[in-house]
């Protein structure tokens, strides 16, 4: 399995960002080949983190690209700063 993690800081409206992600981005993630799970987390203090899990690296890479496009097209005013992006193979899980 592979994971892609994106941390957004400076979120201007976390409730609206969550709504748009749930209604618009989650359906996109479900269409990516190898999709396993997706989580959007409000960590407080204007930061939010997304975690995408896929069966293969190609799915994780595609999720990063789709996230960038979705943020640019739908969330730019709510997520004004570029995210910190990390991705890699899941080497332990429970």
Protein backbone atom coordinates (compact mmCIF):
# COMPACT_ATOMS: atom_id res chain seq x y z
CA UNK A 1 0.00 0.00 0.00
CA UNK A 2 0.99 3.60 -0.56
CA UNK A 3 -0.06 6.77 1.23
CA UNK A 4 -0.12 10.42 0.21
CA UNK A 5 -0.31 12.99 3.01
CA UNK A 6 -0.92 16.69 2.45
CA UNK A 7 -0.81 19.30 5.23
CA UNK A 8 -2.50 22.64 4.61
CA UNK A 9 -1.81 25.64 6.87
CA UNK A 10 -3.57 28.99 6.93
CA UNK A 11 -7.01 27.48 6.29
CA UNK A 12 -9.50 30.35 6.34
CA UNK A 13 -12.72 28.35 6.91
CA UNK A 14 -12.25 24.75 7.99
CA UNK A 15 -15.98 23.90 8.00
CA UNK A 16 -16.44 25.08 4.41
CA UNK A 17 -13.24 23.35 3.30
CA UNK A 18 -14.50 20.12 4.89
CA UNK A 19 -17.84 20.44 3.14
CA UNK A 20 -16.28 21.01 -0.27
CA UNK A 21 -13.78 18.19 0.18
CA UNK A 22 -16.49 15.78 1.28
CA UNK A 23 -18.88 16.71 -1.52
CA UNK A 24 -16.39 17.22 -4.36
CA UNK A 25 -13.00 15.68 -3.69
CA UNK A 26 -13.92 12.44 -1.94
CA UNK A 27 -15.90 11.22 -4.97
CA UNK A 28 -12.84 11.92 -7.16
CA UNK A 29 -10.61 9.87 -4.86
CA UNK A 30 -12.99 6.91 -5.00
CA UNK A 31 -12.53 6.83 -8.79
CA UNK A 32 -8.73 6.53 -8.62
CA UNK A 33 -7.48 3.04 -9.38
CA UNK A 34 -6.36 1.20 -6.25
CA UNK A 35 -8.26 3.47 -3.85
CA UNK A 36 -8.40 2.13 -0.28
CA UNK A 37 -9.28 5.05 2.01
CA UNK A 38 -9.29 8.83 2.35
CA UNK A 39 -9.30 11.02 5.48
CA UNK A 40 -9.60 14.81 5.85
CA UNK A 41 -8.54 15.91 9.33
CA UNK A 42 -9.03 19.26 11.05
CA UNK A 43 -6.00 19.56 13.32
CA UNK A 44 -7.07 22.95 14.65
CA UNK A 45 -5.30 26.31 14.54
CA UNK A 46 -5.99 26.76 10.82
CA UNK A 47 -4.39 23.50 9.71
CA UNK A 48 -5.93 20.52 7.93
CA UNK A 49 -4.36 17.26 6.80
CA UNK A 50 -5.47 14.80 4.15
CA UNK A 51 -4.38 11.18 4.03
CA UNK A 52 -5.03 9.06 0.96
CA UNK A 53 -4.33 5.32 0.93
CA UNK A 54 -3.95 3.30 -2.27
CA UNK A 55 -2.99 -0.22 -3.24
CA UNK A 56 -0.18 1.08 -5.45
CA UNK A 57 2.13 4.03 -6.00
CA UNK A 58 0.37 5.08 -9.20
CA UNK A 59 -2.84 5.74 -7.26
CA UNK A 60 -1.02 7.77 -4.61
CA UNK A 61 0.73 9.82 -7.30
CA UNK A 62 -2.56 10.40 -9.12
CA UNK A 63 -4.19 11.56 -5.87
CA UNK A 64 -1.49 14.21 -5.42
CA UNK A 65 -2.15 15.55 -8.91
CA UNK A 66 -5.93 15.50 -8.47
CA UNK A 67 -5.62 17.25 -5.09
CA UNK A 68 -3.57 20.07 -6.60
CA UNK A 69 -6.13 20.55 -9.37
CA UNK A 70 -9.09 20.41 -6.97
CA UNK A 71 -7.56 22.91 -4.58
CA UNK A 72 -6.69 25.28 -7.42
CA UNK A 73 -10.17 25.05 -8.94
CA UNK A 74 -12.34 24.89 -5.79
CA UNK A 75 -10.48 25.73 -2.59
CA UNK A 76 -7.89 28.39 -3.41
CA UNK A 77 -9.50 31.02 -1.20
CA UNK A 78 -9.87 28.59 1.73
CA UNK A 79 -6.44 26.96 1.42
CA UNK A 80 -4.25 29.92 0.41
CA UNK A 81 -0.87 28.30 1.11
CA UNK A 82 0.71 25.43 -0.82
CA UNK A 83 0.57 22.16 1.10
CA UNK A 84 3.42 20.14 2.51
CA UNK A 85 3.17 16.89 0.52
CA UNK A 86 4.59 13.56 1.57
CA UNK A 87 4.09 10.17 -0.06
CA UNK A 88 5.50 6.72 0.29
CA UNK A 89 5.04 3.05 0.83
CA UNK A 90 3.13 1.97 3.91
CA UNK A 91 5.56 -0.27 5.78
CA UNK A 92 3.46 -0.98 8.87
CA UNK A 93 -0.28 -0.84 9.57
CA UNK A 94 -2.91 -2.07 11.98
